[in-house]
Amino acid sequence: MKYIFATTVMMSAFIALPANASEATVAAGKKLVETQCQQCHDNAIYTRKNSIIQSLPELKARVEFCENANNKHWADSQINQVVDYLNSAFYKYPAK
């Protein structure tokens, strides 16, 4: 029974990831959000009903805007990690 539960949980986590996002990428993005983004706001901003983010390109543009506005100097890979994490955890837009 424990094996079936563990397998189900693992498969659910895998299915929830965008097609191009690995678990490591999402984990790295989560760490950046927790250590950098949450200095200004909490996760409630990602789930508000009047979200200004309506697509994956808009999400990436917003992450880039915030990164620039806060002088984070992230590499493109870090921006993509944050986008992949936010999309997999909150937005659920289809990967392109």
C-alpha atoms as a PDB file:
ATOM      1  CA  MET A   1       0.000   0.000   0.000  1.00  0.00           C
ATOM      2  CA  LYS A   2       2.834   2.426   0.839  1.00  0.00           C
ATOM      3  CA  TYR A   3       4.413   1.698  -2.546  1.00  0.00           C
ATOM      4  CA  ILE A   4       1.205   2.544  -4.402  1.00  0.00           C
ATOM      5  CA  PHE A   5       0.810   5.797  -2.454  1.00  0.00           C
ATOM      6  CA  ALA A   6       4.431   6.819  -3.042  1.00  0.00           C
ATOM      7  CA  THR A   7       4.151   6.030  -6.742  1.00  0.00           C
ATOM      8  CA  THR A   8       0.925   8.036  -7.015  1.00  0.00           C
ATOM      9  CA  VAL A   9       2.477  11.030  -5.258  1.00  0.00           C
ATOM     10  CA  MET A  10       5.570  10.883  -7.449  1.00  0.00           C
ATOM     11  CA  MET A  11       3.508  10.630 -10.634  1.00  0.00           C
ATOM     12  CA  SER A  12       1.289  13.535  -9.539  1.00  0.00           C
ATOM     13  CA  ALA A  13       4.327  15.722  -8.977  1.00  0.00           C
ATOM     14  CA  PHE A  14       5.749  14.754 -12.358  1.00  0.00           C
ATOM     15  CA  ILE A  15       2.518  15.423 -14.209  1.00  0.00           C
ATOM     16  CA  ALA A  16       2.169  18.854 -12.596  1.00  0.00           C
ATOM     17  CA  LEU A  17       5.470  20.101 -14.035  1.00  0.00           C
ATOM     18  CA  PRO A  18       5.466  21.947 -17.336  1.00  0.00           C
ATOM     19  CA  ALA A  19       6.867  19.834 -20.159  1.00  0.00           C
ATOM     20  CA  ASN A  20      10.172  21.718 -20.247  1.00  0.00           C
ATOM     21  CA  ALA A  21      10.696  22.087 -16.489  1.00  0.00           C
ATOM     22  CA  SER A  22      12.670  19.551 -14.502  1.00  0.00           C
ATOM     23  CA  GLU A  23      12.239  19.048 -10.788  1.00  0.00           C
ATOM     24  CA  ALA A  24      15.695  20.557 -10.239  1.00  0.00           C
ATOM     25  CA  THR A  25      14.788  23.656 -12.263  1.00  0.00           C
ATOM     26  CA  VAL A  26      11.552  24.135 -10.349  1.00  0.00           C
ATOM     27  CA  ALA A  27      13.329  23.593  -7.005  1.00  0.00           C
ATOM     28  CA  ALA A  28      15.967  26.180  -7.920  1.00  0.00           C
ATOM     29  CA  GLY A  29      13.231  28.623  -8.928  1.00  0.00           C
ATOM     30  CA  LYS A  30      11.393  28.043  -5.663  1.00  0.00           C
ATOM     31  CA  LYS A  31      14.551  28.810  -3.703  1.00  0.00           C
ATOM     32  CA  LEU A  32      15.045  32.069  -5.612  1.00  0.00           C
ATOM     33  CA  VAL A  33      11.428  33.085  -4.997  1.00  0.00           C
ATOM     34  CA  GLU A  34      11.709  32.294  -1.293  1.00  0.00           C
ATOM     35  CA  THR A  35      15.015  34.110  -0.818  1.00  0.00           C
ATOM     36  CA  GLN A  36      14.626  37.007  -3.261  1.00  0.00           C
ATOM     37  CA  CYS A  37      11.019  37.658  -4.318  1.00  0.00           C
ATOM     38  CA  GLN A  38       9.471  37.219  -0.912  1.00  0.00           C
ATOM     39  CA  GLN A  39      11.544  40.103   0.374  1.00  0.00           C
ATOM     40  CA  CYS A  40       8.925  42.333  -1.285  1.00  0.00           C
ATOM     41  CA  HIS A  41       5.743  40.230  -1.314  1.00  0.00           C
ATOM     42  CA  ASP A  42       4.304  36.874  -0.323  1.00  0.00           C
ATOM     43  CA  ASN A  43       2.758  34.149  -2.495  1.00  0.00           C
ATOM     44  CA  ALA A  44      -0.695  35.764  -2.324  1.00  0.00           C
ATOM     45  CA  ILE A  45       0.327  37.996  -5.222  1.00  0.00           C
ATOM     46  CA  TYR A  46       0.397  34.949  -7.512  1.00  0.00           C
ATOM     47  CA  THR A  47      -3.134  33.832  -6.681  1.00  0.00           C
ATOM     48  CA  ARG A  48      -5.062  37.098  -6.600  1.00  0.00           C
ATOM     49  CA  LYS A  49      -8.208  37.236  -8.723  1.00  0.00           C
ATOM     50  CA  ASN A  50      -7.233  40.419 -10.573  1.00  0.00           C
ATOM     51  CA  SER A  51      -3.853  39.120 -11.726  1.00  0.00           C
ATOM     52  CA  ILE A  52      -2.090  41.126 -14.404  1.00  0.00           C
ATOM     53  CA  ILE A  53      -0.438  37.922 -15.622  1.00  0.00           C
ATOM     54  CA  GLN A  54      -2.544  36.216 -18.303  1.00  0.00           C
ATOM     55  CA  SER A  55      -0.003  34.077 -20.188  1.00  0.00           C
ATOM     56  CA  LEU A  56       3.402  32.445 -19.915  1.00  0.00           C
ATOM     57  CA  PRO A  57       5.114  35.241 -21.918  1.00  0.00           C
ATOM     58  CA  GLU A  58       3.535  37.814 -19.576  1.00  0.00           C
ATOM     59  CA  LEU A  59       4.789  35.839 -16.574  1.00  0.00           C
ATOM     60  CA  LYS A  60       8.325  35.830 -17.951  1.00  0.00           C
ATOM     61  CA  ALA A  61       8.126  39.548 -18.740  1.00  0.00           C
ATOM     62  CA  ARG A  62       6.968  40.266 -15.183  1.00  0.00           C
ATOM     63  CA  VAL A  63       9.775  38.210 -13.642  1.00  0.00           C
ATOM     64  CA  GLU A  64      12.254  40.102 -15.836  1.00  0.00           C
ATOM     65  CA  PHE A  65      10.687  43.429 -14.799  1.00  0.00           C
ATOM     66  CA  CYS A  66      10.950  42.581 -11.095  1.00  0.00           C
ATOM     67  CA  GLU A  67      14.495  41.277 -11.501  1.00  0.00           C
ATOM     68  CA  ASN A  68      15.555  44.512 -13.213  1.00  0.00           C
ATOM     69  CA  ALA A  69      13.642  46.792 -10.833  1.00  0.00           C
ATOM     70  CA  ASN A  70      15.365  45.172  -7.867  1.00  0.00           C
ATOM     71  CA  ASN A  71      18.849  44.976  -9.427  1.00  0.00           C
ATOM     72  CA  LYS A  72      19.103  41.217  -8.907  1.00  0.00           C
ATOM     73  CA  HIS A  73      21.442  40.640 -11.883  1.00  0.00           C
ATOM     74  CA  TRP A  74      20.099  37.129 -12.487  1.00  0.00           C
ATOM     75  CA  ALA A  75      21.317  34.985 -15.345  1.00  0.00           C
ATOM     76  CA  ASP A  76      18.755  33.993 -17.976  1.00  0.00           C
ATOM     77  CA  SER A  77      18.744  30.502 -16.472  1.00  0.00           C
ATOM     78  CA  GLN A  78      17.711  31.916 -13.087  1.00  0.00           C
ATOM     79  CA  ILE A  79      14.878  33.912 -14.654  1.00  0.00           C
ATOM     80  CA  ASN A  80      13.698  30.755 -16.396  1.00  0.00           C
ATOM     81  CA  GLN A  81      13.884  28.809 -13.119  1.00  0.00           C
ATOM     82  CA  VAL A  82      11.668  31.361 -11.395  1.00  0.00           C
ATOM     83  CA  VAL A  83       9.219  31.348 -14.302  1.00  0.00           C
ATOM     84  CA  ASP A  84       9.102  27.534 -14.298  1.00  0.00           C
ATOM     85  CA  TYR A  85       8.517  27.434 -10.542  1.00  0.00           C
ATOM     86  CA  LEU A  86       5.809  30.107 -10.542  1.00  0.00           C
ATOM     87  CA  ASN A  87       4.087  28.504 -13.498  1.00  0.00           C
ATOM     88  CA  SER A  88       4.146  25.009 -12.022  1.00  0.00           C
ATOM     89  CA  ALA A  89       3.082  26.154  -8.544  1.00  0.00           C
ATOM     90  CA  PHE A  90       0.549  28.880  -9.322  1.00  0.00           C
ATOM     91  CA  TYR A  91      -0.234  29.810 -12.914  1.00  0.00           C
ATOM     92  CA  LYS A  92      -0.406  26.471 -14.794  1.00  0.00           C
ATOM     93  CA  TYR A  93      -0.006  27.911 -18.300  1.00  0.00           C
ATOM     94  CA  PRO A  94       0.828  25.348 -20.996  1.00  0.00           C
ATOM     95  CA  ALA A  95       4.526  25.193 -21.879  1.00  0.00           C
ATOM     96  CA  LYS A  96       5.456  26.147 -25.404  1.00  0.00           C
END
